[in-house]
Amino acid sequence: MYLDILPQVVSKFPVEVTTAHAELFLLPLVMRLVNDPAPRCRAAVAGALRALLAALPAQQHDTFAGYCRQVHITYCMYV
């Protein structure tokens, strides 16, 4: 499974590259984590997300947390 090698790929990139492209990885990985029925796939995605977040500076974590708050507020408006 390609997701098994993603943590290694992310850890090999320079921090500048990872930071510049982190948003491109985030949404597809989170969507796969939430929607995939296979436990092995979810575990691989969780490892990839863990590697991605470990490679990013704290400022990028704050940006992602802001995305989560926006999604939560939008979801609560429609429930």
N, C-alpha and C. Protein backbone atom coordinates (compact mmCIF):
# COMPACT_ATOMS: atom_id res chain seq x y z
N MET A 1 0.84 -1.18 0.00
CA MET A 1 0.00 0.00 0.00
C MET A 1 0.89 1.24 0.00
N TYR A 2 0.56 2.20 -0.86
CA TYR A 2 1.38 3.39 -0.98
C TYR A 2 1.39 4.23 0.29
N LEU A 3 0.34 4.15 1.09
CA LEU A 3 0.30 4.94 2.32
C LEU A 3 1.33 4.48 3.34
N ASP A 4 1.79 3.25 3.22
CA ASP A 4 2.80 2.75 4.14
C ASP A 4 4.14 3.47 3.97
N ILE A 5 4.42 3.95 2.75
CA ILE A 5 5.69 4.62 2.53
C ILE A 5 5.61 6.14 2.67
N LEU A 6 4.40 6.66 2.77
CA LEU A 6 4.25 8.12 2.86
C LEU A 6 4.97 8.73 4.06
N PRO A 7 4.93 8.13 5.26
CA PRO A 7 5.70 8.73 6.36
C PRO A 7 7.19 8.86 6.05
N GLN A 8 7.76 7.87 5.38
CA GLN A 8 9.18 7.96 5.02
C GLN A 8 9.42 9.06 3.99
N VAL A 9 8.51 9.18 3.04
CA VAL A 9 8.64 10.22 2.02
C VAL A 9 8.57 11.60 2.66
N VAL A 10 7.60 11.79 3.53
CA VAL A 10 7.44 13.09 4.20
C VAL A 10 8.66 13.43 5.03
N SER A 11 9.21 12.45 5.72
CA SER A 11 10.35 12.73 6.59
C SER A 11 11.62 13.04 5.79
N LYS A 12 11.69 12.65 4.53
CA LYS A 12 12.87 12.91 3.70
C LYS A 12 12.86 14.31 3.07
N PHE A 13 11.69 14.91 2.96
CA PHE A 13 11.62 16.24 2.36
C PHE A 13 12.19 17.29 3.29
N PRO A 14 12.79 18.34 2.73
CA PRO A 14 13.20 19.47 3.57
C PRO A 14 11.96 20.13 4.19
N VAL A 15 12.13 20.74 5.35
CA VAL A 15 11.02 21.36 6.06
C VAL A 15 10.32 22.41 5.19
N GLU A 16 11.08 23.14 4.41
CA GLU A 16 10.48 24.18 3.56
C GLU A 16 9.52 23.58 2.54
N VAL A 17 9.91 22.46 1.95
CA VAL A 17 9.06 21.80 0.96
C VAL A 17 7.81 21.23 1.63
N THR A 18 8.01 20.58 2.76
CA THR A 18 6.88 20.00 3.48
C THR A 18 5.89 21.08 3.90
N THR A 19 6.40 22.18 4.42
CA THR A 19 5.54 23.28 4.85
C THR A 19 4.78 23.88 3.67
N ALA A 20 5.45 24.04 2.55
CA ALA A 20 4.82 24.65 1.38
C ALA A 20 3.70 23.78 0.80
N HIS A 21 3.81 22.47 0.94
CA HIS A 21 2.84 21.57 0.31
C HIS A 21 1.99 20.78 1.31
N ALA A 22 2.08 21.10 2.56
CA ALA A 22 1.36 20.33 3.59
C ALA A 22 -0.14 20.36 3.39
N GLU A 23 -0.68 21.49 2.96
CA GLU A 23 -2.12 21.59 2.78
C GLU A 23 -2.63 20.66 1.67
N LEU A 24 -1.77 20.38 0.70
CA LEU A 24 -2.17 19.46 -0.37
C LEU A 24 -2.33 18.04 0.14
N PHE A 25 -1.58 17.69 1.18
CA PHE A 25 -1.68 16.35 1.76
C PHE A 25 -2.77 16.26 2.81
N LEU A 26 -3.00 17.33 3.53
CA LEU A 26 -3.85 17.28 4.72
C LEU A 26 -5.28 16.81 4.41
N LEU A 27 -5.98 17.50 3.55
CA LEU A 27 -7.39 17.18 3.31
C LEU A 27 -7.59 15.76 2.78
N PRO A 28 -6.84 15.33 1.76
CA PRO A 28 -7.06 13.94 1.30
C PRO A 28 -6.77 12.90 2.38
N LEU A 29 -5.73 13.15 3.19
CA LEU A 29 -5.42 12.20 4.25
C LEU A 29 -6.51 12.16 5.31
N VAL A 30 -6.99 13.32 5.70
CA VAL A 30 -8.05 13.36 6.71
C VAL A 30 -9.32 12.71 6.17
N MET A 31 -9.66 12.98 4.94
CA MET A 31 -10.85 12.37 4.34
C MET A 31 -10.71 10.84 4.29
N ARG A 32 -9.52 10.36 3.96
CA ARG A 32 -9.29 8.91 3.93
C ARG A 32 -9.38 8.34 5.34
N LEU A 33 -8.83 9.05 6.32
CA LEU A 33 -8.86 8.59 7.71
C LEU A 33 -10.30 8.45 8.20
N VAL A 34 -11.14 9.40 7.86
CA VAL A 34 -12.52 9.42 8.33
C VAL A 34 -13.40 8.42 7.58
N ASN A 35 -13.18 8.28 6.29
CA ASN A 35 -14.13 7.54 5.46
C ASN A 35 -13.74 6.12 5.08
N ASP A 36 -12.49 5.75 5.22
CA ASP A 36 -12.08 4.41 4.78
C ASP A 36 -12.52 3.36 5.78
N PRO A 37 -13.16 2.29 5.33
CA PRO A 37 -13.64 1.26 6.25
C PRO A 37 -12.54 0.29 6.70
N ALA A 38 -11.42 0.25 6.00
CA ALA A 38 -10.37 -0.73 6.31
C ALA A 38 -9.48 -0.24 7.45
N PRO A 39 -9.41 -0.99 8.54
CA PRO A 39 -8.55 -0.58 9.67
C PRO A 39 -7.08 -0.44 9.30
N ARG A 40 -6.58 -1.29 8.42
CA ARG A 40 -5.17 -1.19 8.01
C ARG A 40 -4.90 0.11 7.28
N CYS A 41 -5.83 0.50 6.44
CA CYS A 41 -5.69 1.76 5.70
C CYS A 41 -5.75 2.95 6.64
N ARG A 42 -6.69 2.93 7.58
CA ARG A 42 -6.79 4.03 8.55
C ARG A 42 -5.53 4.14 9.39
N ALA A 43 -4.95 3.00 9.76
CA ALA A 43 -3.71 3.02 10.54
C ALA A 43 -2.56 3.61 9.72
N ALA A 44 -2.49 3.26 8.44
CA ALA A 44 -1.45 3.81 7.58
C ALA A 44 -1.63 5.31 7.40
N VAL A 45 -2.86 5.75 7.23
CA VAL A 45 -3.14 7.18 7.08
C VAL A 45 -2.79 7.92 8.37
N ALA A 46 -3.12 7.34 9.51
CA ALA A 46 -2.77 7.98 10.78
C ALA A 46 -1.27 8.13 10.91
N GLY A 47 -0.51 7.13 10.49
CA GLY A 47 0.95 7.24 10.50
C GLY A 47 1.45 8.32 9.58
N ALA A 48 0.83 8.43 8.42
CA ALA A 48 1.23 9.48 7.47
C ALA A 48 0.92 10.87 8.03
N LEU A 49 -0.25 11.02 8.63
CA LEU A 49 -0.59 12.31 9.25
C LEU A 49 0.34 12.64 10.41
N ARG A 50 0.68 11.64 11.20
CA ARG A 50 1.61 11.84 12.32
C ARG A 50 2.96 12.31 11.80
N ALA A 51 3.46 11.69 10.73
CA ALA A 51 4.74 12.08 10.15
C ALA A 51 4.66 13.49 9.58
N LEU A 52 3.55 13.80 8.93
CA LEU A 52 3.38 15.13 8.36
C LEU A 52 3.39 16.19 9.45
N LEU A 53 2.62 15.98 10.48
CA LEU A 53 2.56 16.97 11.57
C LEU A 53 3.88 17.08 12.31
N ALA A 54 4.61 15.97 12.45
CA ALA A 54 5.91 16.02 13.13
C ALA A 54 6.94 16.81 12.33
N ALA A 55 6.77 16.84 11.02
CA ALA A 55 7.73 17.53 10.16
C ALA A 55 7.44 19.02 10.02
N LEU A 56 6.30 19.46 10.53
CA LEU A 56 5.89 20.86 10.34
C LEU A 56 6.19 21.71 11.57
N PRO A 57 6.43 23.00 11.34
CA PRO A 57 6.62 23.90 12.47
C PRO A 57 5.30 24.18 13.18
N ALA A 58 5.38 24.68 14.40
CA ALA A 58 4.18 24.93 15.22
C ALA A 58 3.22 25.90 14.55
N GLN A 59 3.72 26.85 13.80
CA GLN A 59 2.85 27.81 13.12
C GLN A 59 1.90 27.10 12.15
N GLN A 60 2.39 26.09 11.47
CA GLN A 60 1.54 25.34 10.55
C GLN A 60 0.49 24.54 11.31
N HIS A 61 0.83 24.05 12.50
CA HIS A 61 -0.15 23.34 13.34
C HIS A 61 -1.29 24.29 13.68
N ASP A 62 -0.95 25.53 14.00
CA ASP A 62 -1.98 26.52 14.33
C ASP A 62 -2.90 26.77 13.13
N THR A 63 -2.32 26.81 11.94
CA THR A 63 -3.12 27.00 10.73
C THR A 63 -4.10 25.84 10.56
N PHE A 64 -3.62 24.62 10.74
CA PHE A 64 -4.49 23.44 10.61
C PHE A 64 -5.56 23.42 11.69
N ALA A 65 -5.21 23.84 12.90
CA ALA A 65 -6.21 23.91 13.97
C ALA A 65 -7.29 24.92 13.61
N GLY A 66 -6.92 26.01 12.98
CA GLY A 66 -7.89 26.99 12.52
C GLY A 66 -8.84 26.40 11.49
N TYR A 67 -8.33 25.57 10.59
CA TYR A 67 -9.19 24.89 9.62
C TYR A 67 -10.21 24.02 10.34
N CYS A 68 -9.75 23.31 11.35
CA CYS A 68 -10.65 22.42 12.10
C CYS A 68 -11.76 23.22 12.79
N ARG A 69 -11.40 24.35 13.36
CA ARG A 69 -12.41 25.20 14.01
C ARG A 69 -13.42 25.70 12.99
N GLN A 70 -12.96 26.10 11.80
CA GLN A 70 -13.88 26.58 10.77
C GLN A 70 -14.84 25.48 10.34
N VAL A 71 -14.33 24.29 10.15
CA VAL A 71 -15.18 23.17 9.74
C VAL A 71 -16.19 22.86 10.84
N HIS A 72 -15.74 22.85 12.08
CA HIS A 72 -16.64 22.56 13.20
C HIS A 72 -17.75 23.60 13.30
N ILE A 73 -17.43 24.87 13.17
CA ILE A 73 -18.43 25.93 13.25
C ILE A 73 -19.41 25.80 12.09
N THR A 74 -18.91 25.54 10.90
CA THR A 74 -19.79 25.38 9.73
C THR A 74 -20.70 24.18 9.91
N TYR A 75 -20.16 23.08 10.41
CA TYR A 75 -20.97 21.87 10.63
C TYR A 75 -22.07 22.15 11.66
N CYS A 76 -21.73 22.83 12.74
CA CYS A 76 -22.71 23.11 13.80
C CYS A 76 -23.83 24.01 13.30
N MET A 77 -23.54 24.86 12.32
CA MET A 77 -24.57 25.73 11.79
C MET A 77 -25.65 24.95 11.05
N TYR A 78 -25.28 23.81 10.48
CA TYR A 78 -26.21 23.05 9.65
C TYR A 78 -26.81 21.84 10.37
N VAL A 79 -26.44 21.62 11.60
CA VAL A 79 -26.99 20.46 12.32
C VAL A 79 -28.14 20.89 13.18
